C-alpha atoms as a PDB file:
ATOM      1  CA  ILE A   1     -17.938  40.687  -6.357  1.00  0.00           C
ATOM      2  CA  PHE A   2     -17.449  41.334 -10.059  1.00  0.00           C
ATOM      3  CA  MET A   3     -18.781  44.653 -11.339  1.00  0.00           C
ATOM      4  CA  ASN A   4     -19.385  43.329 -14.847  1.00  0.00           C
ATOM      5  CA  ASN A   5     -20.612  40.145 -16.448  1.00  0.00           C
ATOM      6  CA  GLU A   6     -17.256  39.371 -18.044  1.00  0.00           C
ATOM      7  CA  PHE A   7     -16.794  36.195 -15.943  1.00  0.00           C
ATOM      8  CA  ASN A   8     -20.341  34.844 -16.123  1.00  0.00           C
ATOM      9  CA  ASP A   9     -19.641  32.801 -19.240  1.00  0.00           C
ATOM     10  CA  ILE A  10     -16.464  31.170 -17.924  1.00  0.00           C
ATOM     11  CA  GLU A  11     -16.809  27.463 -17.313  1.00  0.00           C
ATOM     12  CA  LEU A  12     -14.348  26.067 -14.801  1.00  0.00           C
ATOM     13  CA  LEU A  13     -12.680  22.752 -15.532  1.00  0.00           C
ATOM     14  CA  LYS A  14     -13.729  20.035 -13.142  1.00  0.00           C
ATOM     15  CA  PRO A  15     -11.140  18.076 -11.121  1.00  0.00           C
ATOM     16  CA  LYS A  16     -12.769  14.783 -12.113  1.00  0.00           C
ATOM     17  CA  TYR A  17     -10.925  14.951 -15.441  1.00  0.00           C
ATOM     18  CA  ASP A  18      -7.448  13.372 -15.397  1.00  0.00           C
ATOM     19  CA  LEU A  19      -5.431  16.399 -16.508  1.00  0.00           C
ATOM     20  CA  VAL A  20      -7.166  18.767 -14.078  1.00  0.00           C
ATOM     21  CA  PHE A  21      -7.016  16.211 -11.253  1.00  0.00           C
ATOM     22  CA  GLN A  22      -3.302  15.580 -11.732  1.00  0.00           C
ATOM     23  CA  THR A  23      -2.559  19.304 -12.030  1.00  0.00           C
ATOM     24  CA  LEU A  24      -4.407  20.040  -8.799  1.00  0.00           C
ATOM     25  CA  PHE A  25      -3.217  17.116  -6.662  1.00  0.00           C
ATOM     26  CA  ASN A  26       0.572  16.822  -6.763  1.00  0.00           C
ATOM     27  CA  GLN A  27       3.750  17.705  -4.853  1.00  0.00           C
ATOM     28  CA  GLN A  28       3.535  21.362  -5.912  1.00  0.00           C
ATOM     29  CA  HIS A  29       0.170  21.581  -4.165  1.00  0.00           C
ATOM     30  CA  GLU A  30       1.173  19.483  -1.171  1.00  0.00           C
ATOM     31  CA  SER A  31      -1.178  21.171   1.285  1.00  0.00           C
ATOM     32  CA  ILE A  32      -4.247  20.709  -0.944  1.00  0.00           C
ATOM     33  CA  THR A  33      -3.266  17.121  -1.693  1.00  0.00           C
ATOM     34  CA  LYS A  34      -2.636  16.342   1.973  1.00  0.00           C
ATOM     35  CA  ASN A  35      -6.052  17.702   2.985  1.00  0.00           C
ATOM     36  CA  PHE A  36      -7.781  15.877   0.127  1.00  0.00           C
ATOM     37  CA  ILE A  37      -6.225  12.522   1.043  1.00  0.00           C
ATOM     38  CA  SER A  38      -6.917  13.120   4.728  1.00  0.00           C
ATOM     39  CA  ALA A  39     -10.619  13.607   3.944  1.00  0.00           C
ATOM     40  CA  LEU A  40     -10.708  10.526   1.682  1.00  0.00           C
ATOM     41  CA  ILE A  41      -9.126   8.125   4.180  1.00  0.00           C
ATOM     42  CA  GLU A  42     -10.593   9.795   7.275  1.00  0.00           C
ATOM     43  CA  GLU A  43      -7.345  10.131   9.176  1.00  0.00           C
ATOM     44  CA  ASP A  44      -4.839  12.872   9.880  1.00  0.00           C
ATOM     45  CA  VAL A  45      -2.066  13.137   7.325  1.00  0.00           C
ATOM     46  CA  HIS A  46       1.046  14.511   8.986  1.00  0.00           C
ATOM     47  CA  GLU A  47       3.555  13.622   6.309  1.00  0.00           C
ATOM     48  CA  ILE A  48       3.072  12.967   2.618  1.00  0.00           C
ATOM     49  CA  LYS A  49       5.370  11.941  -0.210  1.00  0.00           C
ATOM     50  CA  ILE A  50       3.674  12.166  -3.586  1.00  0.00           C
ATOM     51  CA  ASN A  51       4.938   9.969  -6.396  1.00  0.00           C
ATOM     52  CA  GLU A  52       5.064  12.252  -9.432  1.00  0.00           C
ATOM     53  CA  GLY A  53       5.686   9.314 -11.779  1.00  0.00           C
ATOM     54  CA  LYS A  54       2.321   7.993 -12.892  1.00  0.00           C
ATOM     55  CA  GLU A  55       3.471   4.666 -14.344  1.00  0.00           C
ATOM     56  CA  LEU A  56       3.577   1.651 -12.046  1.00  0.00           C
ATOM     57  CA  GLU A  57       6.884  -0.172 -11.818  1.00  0.00           C
ATOM     58  CA  ARG A  58       7.003  -3.348 -13.870  1.00  0.00           C
ATOM     59  CA  ASP A  59       8.992  -6.317 -12.604  1.00  0.00           C
ATOM     60  CA  ALA A  60       9.056  -8.013 -16.001  1.00  0.00           C
ATOM     61  CA  ILE A  61       8.939  -6.646 -19.528  1.00  0.00           C
ATOM     62  CA  ASP A  62       5.653  -8.440 -20.204  1.00  0.00           C
ATOM     63  CA  ASP A  63       3.923  -7.031 -17.101  1.00  0.00           C
ATOM     64  CA  LYS A  64       0.873  -4.924 -17.884  1.00  0.00           C
ATOM     65  CA  LYS A  65       1.360  -1.160 -17.826  1.00  0.00           C
ATOM     66  CA  GLY A  66      -0.481   0.735 -15.131  1.00  0.00           C
ATOM     67  CA  PHE A  67      -0.945   4.480 -14.789  1.00  0.00           C
ATOM     68  CA  LEU A  68      -2.058   5.912 -11.466  1.00  0.00           C
ATOM     69  CA  ASP A  69      -4.023   9.133 -11.079  1.00  0.00           C
ATOM     70  CA  LEU A  70      -2.502   9.893  -7.666  1.00  0.00           C
ATOM     71  CA  GLU A  71      -0.110   7.829  -5.567  1.00  0.00           C
ATOM     72  CA  ALA A  72       1.321   8.917  -2.238  1.00  0.00           C
ATOM     73  CA  THR A  73       2.993   7.545   0.853  1.00  0.00           C
ATOM     74  CA  VAL A  74       1.193   8.867   3.924  1.00  0.00           C
ATOM     75  CA  ASN A  75       2.702   9.134   7.414  1.00  0.00           C
ATOM     76  CA  ASN A  76       5.473   6.832   6.141  1.00  0.00           C
ATOM     77  CA  ASN A  77       3.320   3.762   6.762  1.00  0.00           C
ATOM     78  CA  GLU A  78       0.576   3.720   4.106  1.00  0.00           C
ATOM     79  CA  LYS A  79       0.487   3.783   0.324  1.00  0.00           C
ATOM     80  CA  ILE A  80      -2.519   5.593  -1.098  1.00  0.00           C
ATOM     81  CA  ASN A  81      -3.740   5.315  -4.673  1.00  0.00           C
ATOM     82  CA  VAL A  82      -6.623   7.540  -5.782  1.00  0.00           C
ATOM     83  CA  GLU A  83      -8.292   6.605  -9.066  1.00  0.00           C
ATOM     84  CA  VAL A  84     -11.016   8.573 -10.812  1.00  0.00           C
ATOM     85  CA  GLN A  85     -13.169   6.486 -13.162  1.00  0.00           C
ATOM     86  CA  LEU A  86     -15.893   8.249 -15.132  1.00  0.00           C
ATOM     87  CA  TYR A  87     -16.721   5.676 -17.796  1.00  0.00           C
ATOM     88  CA  GLU A  88     -17.766   2.053 -17.757  1.00  0.00           C
ATOM     89  CA  ASN A  89     -14.930  -0.438 -17.529  1.00  0.00           C
ATOM     90  CA  LYS A  90     -16.142  -3.939 -16.756  1.00  0.00           C
ATOM     91  CA  PHE A  91     -12.706  -4.869 -15.400  1.00  0.00           C
ATOM     92  CA  PHE A  92     -12.337  -1.827 -13.159  1.00  0.00           C
ATOM     93  CA  ILE A  93     -12.298  -3.837  -9.908  1.00  0.00           C
ATOM     94  CA  ASN A  94      -9.694  -6.173 -11.445  1.00  0.00           C
ATOM     95  CA  ARG A  95      -7.570  -3.124 -12.266  1.00  0.00           C
ATOM     96  CA  LEU A  96      -7.867  -1.859  -8.677  1.00  0.00           C
ATOM     97  CA  LEU A  97      -6.721  -5.254  -7.378  1.00  0.00           C
ATOM     98  CA  GLU A  98      -3.781  -5.259  -9.769  1.00  0.00           C
ATOM     99  CA  TYR A  99      -2.779  -1.788  -8.609  1.00  0.00           C
ATOM    100  CA  PHE A 100      -3.018  -2.976  -5.002  1.00  0.00           C
ATOM    101  CA  THR A 101      -0.792  -6.017  -5.590  1.00  0.00           C
ATOM    102  CA  ARG A 102       1.803  -3.989  -7.454  1.00  0.00           C
ATOM    103  CA  LEU A 103       1.924  -1.201  -4.836  1.00  0.00           C
ATOM    104  CA  TYR A 104       2.051  -3.726  -2.007  1.00  0.00           C
ATOM    105  CA  SER A 105       4.773  -5.860  -3.572  1.00  0.00           C
ATOM    106  CA  GLN A 106       6.949  -2.825  -4.391  1.00  0.00           C
ATOM    107  CA  GLU A 107       7.684  -2.554  -0.686  1.00  0.00           C
ATOM    108  CA  ILE A 108       8.946  -6.134  -0.350  1.00  0.00           C
ATOM    109  CA  LYS A 109      12.423  -6.353  -1.793  1.00  0.00           C
ATOM    110  CA  LYS A 110      15.000  -9.111  -1.573  1.00  0.00           C
ATOM    111  CA  GLY A 111      16.363  -9.203   1.961  1.00  0.00           C
ATOM    112  CA  ASN A 112      13.446  -7.226   3.441  1.00  0.00           C
ATOM    113  CA  SER A 113      11.026  -8.784   5.861  1.00  0.00           C
ATOM    114  CA  TYR A 114       7.334  -8.956   5.009  1.00  0.00           C
ATOM    115  CA  GLU A 115       6.594  -6.510   7.809  1.00  0.00           C
ATOM    116  CA  SER A 116       8.327  -3.788   5.762  1.00  0.00           C
ATOM    117  CA  ALA A 117       5.339  -3.702   3.390  1.00  0.00           C
ATOM    118  CA  LYS A 118       3.059  -0.738   3.872  1.00  0.00           C
ATOM    119  CA  ARG A 119      -0.709  -0.837   4.113  1.00  0.00           C
ATOM    120  CA  VAL A 120      -2.287   0.011   0.742  1.00  0.00           C
ATOM    121  CA  ILE A 121      -5.485   2.018   0.482  1.00  0.00           C
ATOM    122  CA  ILE A 122      -7.102   2.328  -2.915  1.00  0.00           C
ATOM    123  CA  VAL A 123      -9.675   5.101  -3.265  1.00  0.00           C
ATOM    124  CA  ALA A 124     -11.863   4.860  -6.359  1.00  0.00           C
ATOM    125  CA  ILE A 125     -13.936   7.919  -7.151  1.00  0.00           C
ATOM    126  CA  VAL A 126     -16.519   6.765  -9.677  1.00  0.00           C
ATOM    127  CA  SER A 127     -19.417   8.136 -11.688  1.00  0.00           C
ATOM    128  CA  ASP A 128     -22.748   6.369 -12.102  1.00  0.00           C
ATOM    129  CA  LYS A 129     -21.543   5.098 -15.485  1.00  0.00           C
ATOM    130  CA  VAL A 130     -19.228   2.733 -13.615  1.00  0.00           C
ATOM    131  CA  LYS A 131     -21.409  -0.238 -12.747  1.00  0.00           C
ATOM    132  CA  ILE A 132     -20.458  -1.565  -9.322  1.00  0.00           C
ATOM    133  CA  ASP A 133     -23.663  -3.113  -8.060  1.00  0.00           C
ATOM    134  CA  VAL A 134     -22.502  -3.679  -4.499  1.00  0.00           C
ATOM    135  CA  ALA A 135     -21.273  -0.124  -3.898  1.00  0.00           C
ATOM    136  CA  SER A 136     -24.489   1.864  -3.644  1.00  0.00           C
ATOM    137  CA  ASP A 137     -23.659   4.139  -0.687  1.00  0.00           C
ATOM    138  CA  PHE A 138     -21.784   7.418  -0.933  1.00  0.00           C
ATOM    139  CA  CYS A 139     -18.673   5.653   0.351  1.00  0.00           C
ATOM    140  CA  SER A 140     -18.211   1.935   0.797  1.00  0.00           C
ATOM    141  CA  VAL A 141     -15.115   0.499   2.453  1.00  0.00           C
ATOM    142  CA  TRP A 142     -13.850  -2.959   1.506  1.00  0.00           C
ATOM    143  CA  ASN A 143     -11.185  -5.214   2.974  1.00  0.00           C
ATOM    144  CA  ILE A 144     -10.446  -8.937   3.231  1.00  0.00           C
ATOM    145  CA  ARG A 145     -12.944 -10.727   5.488  1.00  0.00           C
ATOM    146  CA  ASP A 146     -14.095 -14.254   6.132  1.00  0.00           C
ATOM    147  CA  ASN A 147     -17.675 -15.475   5.871  1.00  0.00           C
ATOM    148  CA  LYS A 148     -18.290 -14.448   9.512  1.00  0.00           C
ATOM    149  CA  ASN A 149     -17.229 -10.862   8.758  1.00  0.00           C
ATOM    150  CA  GLN A 150     -13.918 -11.092  10.645  1.00  0.00           C
ATOM    151  CA  VAL A 151     -11.148  -9.007   9.089  1.00  0.00           C
ATOM    152  CA  LEU A 152      -8.127 -11.066   8.052  1.00  0.00           C
ATOM    153  CA  THR A 153      -5.826  -8.073   7.609  1.00  0.00           C
ATOM    154  CA  ASP A 154      -6.004  -4.308   7.387  1.00  0.00           C
ATOM    155  CA  LEU A 155      -3.176  -4.183   4.829  1.00  0.00           C
ATOM    156  CA  LEU A 156      -5.707  -3.837   1.994  1.00  0.00           C
ATOM    157  CA  GLU A 157      -8.523  -1.354   1.923  1.00  0.00           C
ATOM    158  CA  ILE A 158     -10.562  -0.268  -1.078  1.00  0.00           C
ATOM    159  CA  ARG A 159     -12.848   2.733  -0.737  1.00  0.00           C
ATOM    160  CA  ILE A 160     -15.385   3.388  -3.466  1.00  0.00           C
ATOM    161  CA  ILE A 161     -16.850   6.882  -3.535  1.00  0.00           C
ATOM    162  CA  ARG A 162     -19.791   7.639  -5.815  1.00  0.00           C
ATOM    163  CA  LEU A 163     -19.689  11.155  -7.264  1.00  0.00           C
ATOM    164  CA  SER A 164     -23.468  11.374  -7.601  1.00  0.00           C
ATOM    165  CA  LYS A 165     -23.954  10.580  -3.909  1.00  0.00           C
ATOM    166  CA  ALA A 166     -21.249  13.049  -2.844  1.00  0.00           C
ATOM    167  CA  LEU A 167     -22.947  16.053  -4.431  1.00  0.00           C
END
């Protein structure tokens, strides 16, 4: 309890902004980051390796640059990418798919078998300004399915979390 009003006018920075988000969730704050990712993907995180480099690897010089908000390897068998998107970007889903393909293919190197590739989970935390008509719930989970709703593979999962529904 503060005895004076000195702190009443202080406005805390919100973790939805890139700089604050990346300062809060990183290797230096491993415990916080581990708990955050565990809550997002709804599974226990026993081991985490956080990639401090934000730029996605490019295989060719003319590959598009990609900058990730948070990338981690979880339990040595899953790649997690958390993206915060506050403003409209009509190609946001395309960007998420590109990030998935790049993260997935990074695991498959010459001489490696395809089974060496890790599952990739993309978590998109979005504001209402991001128009994704099909994602109206607090959290929607997407993967590759056929027209009878049978899952082809669990190697790709996209979770879309709406900030307005989470509050």
